[in-house]
Amino acid sequence: MTAPAEVVTGIRAVSVPVADQDRALRFYVDRLGFTVLRDVPTPNGRWIELAPGGGDVVVTLDHVTGEVTRGPVAIRFTTDDAAAAHAALTDAGVDTDEILTWPGVPPMFAFRDPDGNAFSLTET
């Protein structure tokens, strides 16, 4: 049986698993420039919602405990200028890879947060 199309209507947030929410929050705000939308206590840590740039997507920093397992995170963030973003993040101490450039494909590079979650930053 197939569920009706209107059951899933969009994406509210993308969750990133982190071991230390304070450390992760400092990284995403201080190094990547995200804005804190919400930071409230929960029984297992805090509910932290962040916004990258002026985008509509919310990123949450989910506290990972021993009984909770997660798969790999695959988020592609956007930037207006991959070279400038790469230089800025590298200067801020972010673990970045080299910029990839292929004919017909926008420039992009990978970077990692302190928990080892890998992301991509792609030029729009």
N, C-alpha and C. Protein backbone atom coordinates (compact mmCIF):
# COMPACT_ATOMS: atom_id res chain seq x y z
N MET A 1 0.84 -1.18 0.00
CA MET A 1 0.00 0.00 0.00
C MET A 1 0.88 1.24 0.00
N THR A 2 0.53 2.24 -0.77
CA THR A 2 1.28 3.48 -0.89
C THR A 2 0.56 4.59 -0.14
N ALA A 3 1.32 5.39 0.62
CA ALA A 3 0.74 6.52 1.34
C ALA A 3 0.40 7.63 0.35
N PRO A 4 -0.61 8.42 0.62
CA PRO A 4 -0.94 9.54 -0.27
C PRO A 4 0.20 10.56 -0.32
N ALA A 5 0.32 11.26 -1.43
CA ALA A 5 1.40 12.21 -1.64
C ALA A 5 1.43 13.32 -0.60
N GLU A 6 0.29 13.69 -0.04
CA GLU A 6 0.27 14.81 0.90
C GLU A 6 0.69 14.44 2.33
N VAL A 7 1.09 13.20 2.57
CA VAL A 7 1.54 12.82 3.91
C VAL A 7 2.85 13.53 4.25
N VAL A 8 3.83 13.50 3.38
CA VAL A 8 5.09 14.22 3.58
C VAL A 8 5.03 15.46 2.70
N THR A 9 5.08 16.62 3.34
CA THR A 9 4.87 17.87 2.60
C THR A 9 6.12 18.74 2.49
N GLY A 10 7.23 18.33 3.08
CA GLY A 10 8.44 19.14 3.00
C GLY A 10 9.47 18.69 4.00
N ILE A 11 10.53 19.47 4.13
CA ILE A 11 11.60 19.20 5.10
C ILE A 11 11.64 20.35 6.08
N ARG A 12 11.48 20.06 7.36
CA ARG A 12 11.51 21.10 8.38
C ARG A 12 12.93 21.40 8.82
N ALA A 13 13.72 20.32 9.02
CA ALA A 13 15.07 20.51 9.53
C ALA A 13 15.95 19.34 9.11
N VAL A 14 17.24 19.58 9.14
CA VAL A 14 18.25 18.56 8.94
C VAL A 14 19.00 18.44 10.26
N SER A 15 19.11 17.23 10.78
CA SER A 15 19.74 17.03 12.08
C SER A 15 21.17 16.53 11.91
N VAL A 16 22.07 17.11 12.71
CA VAL A 16 23.47 16.73 12.71
C VAL A 16 23.78 16.13 14.08
N PRO A 17 24.27 14.88 14.13
CA PRO A 17 24.59 14.26 15.42
C PRO A 17 25.90 14.82 15.98
N VAL A 18 25.87 15.24 17.25
CA VAL A 18 27.06 15.79 17.89
C VAL A 18 27.21 15.22 19.30
N ALA A 19 28.44 15.06 19.73
CA ALA A 19 28.72 14.53 21.07
C ALA A 19 28.68 15.63 22.12
N ASP A 20 29.12 16.83 21.77
CA ASP A 20 29.21 17.95 22.71
C ASP A 20 28.48 19.14 22.08
N GLN A 21 27.28 19.42 22.57
CA GLN A 21 26.47 20.48 21.96
C GLN A 21 27.09 21.86 22.11
N ASP A 22 27.77 22.13 23.23
CA ASP A 22 28.41 23.44 23.41
C ASP A 22 29.52 23.64 22.37
N ARG A 23 30.36 22.63 22.20
CA ARG A 23 31.45 22.71 21.22
C ARG A 23 30.89 22.86 19.81
N ALA A 24 29.87 22.07 19.49
CA ALA A 24 29.26 22.14 18.16
C ALA A 24 28.62 23.50 17.91
N LEU A 25 27.93 24.03 18.91
CA LEU A 25 27.29 25.33 18.77
C LEU A 25 28.33 26.42 18.49
N ARG A 26 29.44 26.40 19.22
CA ARG A 26 30.50 27.38 18.98
C ARG A 26 31.04 27.25 17.55
N PHE A 27 31.23 26.03 17.06
CA PHE A 27 31.73 25.81 15.71
C PHE A 27 30.77 26.37 14.67
N TYR A 28 29.51 25.99 14.74
CA TYR A 28 28.54 26.40 13.72
C TYR A 28 28.26 27.90 13.74
N VAL A 29 28.28 28.51 14.92
CA VAL A 29 28.03 29.95 15.01
C VAL A 29 29.31 30.74 14.74
N ASP A 30 30.40 30.41 15.44
CA ASP A 30 31.63 31.20 15.34
C ASP A 30 32.41 30.96 14.06
N ARG A 31 32.45 29.73 13.58
CA ARG A 31 33.26 29.42 12.39
C ARG A 31 32.47 29.47 11.10
N LEU A 32 31.20 29.02 11.14
CA LEU A 32 30.41 28.97 9.91
C LEU A 32 29.43 30.14 9.79
N GLY A 33 29.21 30.87 10.87
CA GLY A 33 28.34 32.05 10.81
C GLY A 33 26.85 31.76 10.86
N PHE A 34 26.46 30.59 11.37
CA PHE A 34 25.04 30.27 11.48
C PHE A 34 24.40 31.14 12.55
N THR A 35 23.08 31.32 12.46
CA THR A 35 22.30 32.08 13.44
C THR A 35 21.54 31.11 14.34
N VAL A 36 21.56 31.37 15.65
CA VAL A 36 20.80 30.54 16.59
C VAL A 36 19.34 30.96 16.54
N LEU A 37 18.47 30.01 16.22
CA LEU A 37 17.03 30.27 16.20
C LEU A 37 16.38 29.85 17.52
N ARG A 38 16.88 28.76 18.10
CA ARG A 38 16.29 28.23 19.33
C ARG A 38 17.34 27.42 20.05
N ASP A 39 17.39 27.54 21.38
CA ASP A 39 18.30 26.76 22.21
C ASP A 39 17.61 26.57 23.56
N VAL A 40 16.95 25.42 23.73
CA VAL A 40 16.18 25.15 24.94
C VAL A 40 16.55 23.79 25.51
N PRO A 41 16.47 23.63 26.84
CA PRO A 41 16.80 22.35 27.45
C PRO A 41 15.78 21.27 27.14
N THR A 42 16.28 20.03 27.03
CA THR A 42 15.44 18.84 26.87
C THR A 42 15.94 17.80 27.87
N PRO A 43 15.23 16.71 28.05
CA PRO A 43 15.69 15.69 29.01
C PRO A 43 17.06 15.10 28.67
N ASN A 44 17.45 15.09 27.38
CA ASN A 44 18.73 14.48 27.00
C ASN A 44 19.76 15.49 26.51
N GLY A 45 19.61 16.74 26.81
CA GLY A 45 20.54 17.77 26.34
C GLY A 45 19.80 19.05 26.05
N ARG A 46 19.89 19.53 24.81
CA ARG A 46 19.20 20.76 24.41
C ARG A 46 18.65 20.58 23.01
N TRP A 47 17.61 21.34 22.69
CA TRP A 47 17.08 21.41 21.34
C TRP A 47 17.66 22.68 20.74
N ILE A 48 18.60 22.52 19.82
CA ILE A 48 19.29 23.66 19.22
C ILE A 48 18.94 23.71 17.74
N GLU A 49 18.36 24.83 17.32
CA GLU A 49 18.06 25.06 15.90
C GLU A 49 18.89 26.22 15.40
N LEU A 50 19.52 26.03 14.23
CA LEU A 50 20.37 27.03 13.63
C LEU A 50 19.92 27.28 12.20
N ALA A 51 20.26 28.46 11.68
CA ALA A 51 19.95 28.79 10.28
C ALA A 51 21.24 29.22 9.59
N PRO A 52 21.58 28.54 8.48
CA PRO A 52 22.74 28.99 7.71
C PRO A 52 22.34 30.12 6.78
N GLY A 53 23.05 31.24 6.83
CA GLY A 53 22.75 32.36 5.93
C GLY A 53 21.31 32.79 6.06
N GLY A 54 20.71 33.14 4.95
CA GLY A 54 19.32 33.55 4.94
C GLY A 54 18.41 32.45 4.45
N GLY A 55 18.88 31.20 4.51
CA GLY A 55 18.13 30.08 3.95
C GLY A 55 16.91 29.70 4.74
N ASP A 56 16.10 28.87 4.13
CA ASP A 56 14.87 28.38 4.74
C ASP A 56 15.07 27.09 5.51
N VAL A 57 16.22 26.45 5.39
CA VAL A 57 16.47 25.16 6.04
C VAL A 57 16.99 25.39 7.45
N VAL A 58 16.47 24.62 8.39
CA VAL A 58 16.93 24.67 9.78
C VAL A 58 17.85 23.48 10.00
N VAL A 59 18.96 23.70 10.71
CA VAL A 59 19.89 22.64 11.09
C VAL A 59 19.78 22.48 12.60
N THR A 60 19.56 21.25 13.06
CA THR A 60 19.53 20.99 14.50
C THR A 60 20.79 20.25 14.90
N LEU A 61 21.27 20.52 16.11
CA LEU A 61 22.43 19.83 16.66
C LEU A 61 21.92 18.82 17.68
N ASP A 62 21.80 17.57 17.26
CA ASP A 62 21.22 16.52 18.10
C ASP A 62 22.29 15.86 18.96
N HIS A 63 22.08 15.91 20.28
CA HIS A 63 23.01 15.26 21.22
C HIS A 63 22.91 13.75 21.04
N VAL A 64 24.03 13.13 20.73
CA VAL A 64 24.08 11.68 20.52
C VAL A 64 24.48 11.01 21.82
N THR A 65 23.70 10.03 22.22
CA THR A 65 24.02 9.25 23.42
C THR A 65 24.38 7.84 22.99
N GLY A 66 24.86 7.03 23.92
CA GLY A 66 25.30 5.68 23.61
C GLY A 66 24.24 4.81 22.98
N GLU A 67 22.98 5.02 23.35
CA GLU A 67 21.91 4.17 22.82
C GLU A 67 21.34 4.67 21.49
N VAL A 68 21.78 5.85 21.04
CA VAL A 68 21.29 6.41 19.79
C VAL A 68 22.38 6.28 18.73
N THR A 69 22.05 5.68 17.60
CA THR A 69 23.00 5.59 16.51
C THR A 69 22.46 6.35 15.31
N ARG A 70 23.35 6.84 14.50
CA ARG A 70 22.98 7.61 13.32
C ARG A 70 23.78 7.13 12.13
N GLY A 71 23.25 7.38 10.95
CA GLY A 71 23.98 7.11 9.72
C GLY A 71 24.78 8.33 9.34
N PRO A 72 25.45 8.28 8.19
CA PRO A 72 26.25 9.43 7.76
C PRO A 72 25.37 10.63 7.41
N VAL A 73 25.91 11.81 7.61
CA VAL A 73 25.22 13.04 7.28
C VAL A 73 25.67 13.48 5.89
N ALA A 74 24.74 13.84 5.03
CA ALA A 74 25.10 14.31 3.69
C ALA A 74 24.31 15.59 3.41
N ILE A 75 24.92 16.72 3.71
CA ILE A 75 24.29 18.01 3.49
C ILE A 75 25.18 18.81 2.55
N ARG A 76 24.58 19.39 1.53
CA ARG A 76 25.30 20.28 0.63
C ARG A 76 24.79 21.70 0.88
N PHE A 77 25.65 22.51 1.51
CA PHE A 77 25.35 23.90 1.72
C PHE A 77 25.72 24.68 0.46
N THR A 78 25.25 25.91 0.33
CA THR A 78 25.57 26.72 -0.84
C THR A 78 26.35 27.96 -0.45
N THR A 79 27.05 28.51 -1.43
CA THR A 79 27.81 29.75 -1.28
C THR A 79 27.80 30.48 -2.61
N ASP A 80 27.97 31.78 -2.57
CA ASP A 80 28.06 32.57 -3.80
C ASP A 80 29.43 32.46 -4.44
N ASP A 81 30.47 32.19 -3.63
CA ASP A 81 31.84 32.17 -4.12
C ASP A 81 32.62 31.08 -3.40
N ALA A 82 32.83 29.94 -4.05
CA ALA A 82 33.49 28.80 -3.42
C ALA A 82 34.92 29.13 -3.00
N ALA A 83 35.65 29.85 -3.83
CA ALA A 83 37.05 30.17 -3.50
C ALA A 83 37.13 31.06 -2.26
N ALA A 84 36.27 32.07 -2.19
CA ALA A 84 36.28 32.97 -1.03
C ALA A 84 35.82 32.23 0.23
N ALA A 85 34.81 31.39 0.10
CA ALA A 85 34.33 30.62 1.25
C ALA A 85 35.40 29.65 1.73
N HIS A 86 36.09 29.00 0.79
CA HIS A 86 37.16 28.07 1.14
C HIS A 86 38.26 28.80 1.91
N ALA A 87 38.67 29.96 1.42
CA ALA A 87 39.71 30.74 2.10
C ALA A 87 39.25 31.16 3.50
N ALA A 88 38.02 31.62 3.63
CA ALA A 88 37.51 32.08 4.92
C ALA A 88 37.43 30.94 5.93
N LEU A 89 36.91 29.79 5.51
CA LEU A 89 36.79 28.65 6.42
C LEU A 89 38.16 28.10 6.80
N THR A 90 39.06 28.02 5.83
CA THR A 90 40.41 27.53 6.12
C THR A 90 41.10 28.47 7.11
N ASP A 91 40.97 29.78 6.90
CA ASP A 91 41.55 30.76 7.82
C ASP A 91 40.94 30.67 9.22
N ALA A 92 39.67 30.26 9.30
CA ALA A 92 38.99 30.13 10.60
C ALA A 92 39.32 28.81 11.29
N GLY A 93 40.17 27.99 10.66
CA GLY A 93 40.59 26.73 11.28
C GLY A 93 39.68 25.56 11.00
N VAL A 94 38.78 25.68 10.03
CA VAL A 94 37.88 24.59 9.67
C VAL A 94 38.65 23.57 8.83
N ASP A 95 38.42 22.30 9.08
CA ASP A 95 39.05 21.20 8.34
C ASP A 95 38.40 21.12 6.96
N THR A 96 39.10 21.63 5.93
CA THR A 96 38.55 21.68 4.58
C THR A 96 39.39 20.84 3.62
N ASP A 97 38.75 20.37 2.55
CA ASP A 97 39.45 19.72 1.45
C ASP A 97 39.69 20.75 0.35
N GLU A 98 40.40 20.35 -0.66
CA GLU A 98 40.65 21.23 -1.80
C GLU A 98 39.35 21.47 -2.57
N ILE A 99 39.29 22.57 -3.30
CA ILE A 99 38.13 22.87 -4.15
C ILE A 99 38.16 21.95 -5.36
N LEU A 100 37.02 21.33 -5.64
CA LEU A 100 36.87 20.47 -6.81
C LEU A 100 36.27 21.29 -7.94
N THR A 101 36.87 21.19 -9.10
CA THR A 101 36.33 21.87 -10.28
C THR A 101 36.31 20.89 -11.44
N TRP A 102 35.14 20.67 -12.00
CA TRP A 102 34.97 19.82 -13.16
C TRP A 102 34.19 20.60 -14.20
N PRO A 103 34.48 20.40 -15.48
CA PRO A 103 33.73 21.12 -16.51
C PRO A 103 32.22 20.89 -16.39
N GLY A 104 31.46 21.98 -16.39
CA GLY A 104 30.01 21.89 -16.33
C GLY A 104 29.42 21.67 -14.95
N VAL A 105 30.28 21.59 -13.92
CA VAL A 105 29.83 21.36 -12.54
C VAL A 105 30.29 22.53 -11.69
N PRO A 106 29.43 23.05 -10.79
CA PRO A 106 29.86 24.18 -9.97
C PRO A 106 31.01 23.79 -9.03
N PRO A 107 31.91 24.73 -8.74
CA PRO A 107 32.99 24.46 -7.80
C PRO A 107 32.42 24.09 -6.43
N MET A 108 33.11 23.17 -5.76
CA MET A 108 32.64 22.70 -4.45
C MET A 108 33.82 22.16 -3.66
N PHE A 109 33.63 22.09 -2.34
CA PHE A 109 34.64 21.46 -1.48
C PHE A 109 33.96 20.88 -0.25
N ALA A 110 34.63 19.92 0.35
CA ALA A 110 34.12 19.28 1.56
C ALA A 110 34.78 19.92 2.79
N PHE A 111 34.05 19.88 3.91
CA PHE A 111 34.62 20.31 5.19
C PHE A 111 33.98 19.46 6.29
N ARG A 112 34.61 19.47 7.47
CA ARG A 112 34.14 18.67 8.59
C ARG A 112 33.99 19.51 9.84
N ASP A 113 33.02 19.10 10.68
CA ASP A 113 32.84 19.75 11.97
C ASP A 113 33.69 19.02 13.01
N PRO A 114 33.74 19.49 14.26
CA PRO A 114 34.57 18.85 15.28
C PRO A 114 34.18 17.40 15.58
N ASP A 115 32.94 16.99 15.25
CA ASP A 115 32.52 15.61 15.48
C ASP A 115 32.85 14.70 14.29
N GLY A 116 33.45 15.26 13.24
CA GLY A 116 33.80 14.48 12.07
C GLY A 116 32.70 14.38 11.04
N ASN A 117 31.57 15.07 11.25
CA ASN A 117 30.50 15.09 10.25
C ASN A 117 31.02 15.82 9.02
N ALA A 118 30.85 15.22 7.84
CA ALA A 118 31.36 15.81 6.60
C ALA A 118 30.23 16.49 5.84
N PHE A 119 30.53 17.66 5.27
CA PHE A 119 29.58 18.44 4.51
C PHE A 119 30.23 18.90 3.22
N SER A 120 29.43 19.43 2.33
CA SER A 120 29.92 20.00 1.10
C SER A 120 29.42 21.43 1.00
N LEU A 121 30.24 22.29 0.41
CA LEU A 121 29.85 23.67 0.14
C LEU A 121 29.98 23.86 -1.37
N THR A 122 28.86 24.14 -2.02
CA THR A 122 28.79 24.22 -3.48
C THR A 122 28.42 25.62 -3.91
N GLU A 123 29.14 26.14 -4.90
CA GLU A 123 28.85 27.47 -5.43
C GLU A 123 27.56 27.45 -6.22
N THR A 124 26.71 28.46 -5.99
CA THR A 124 25.43 28.53 -6.71
C THR A 124 25.61 29.23 -8.04
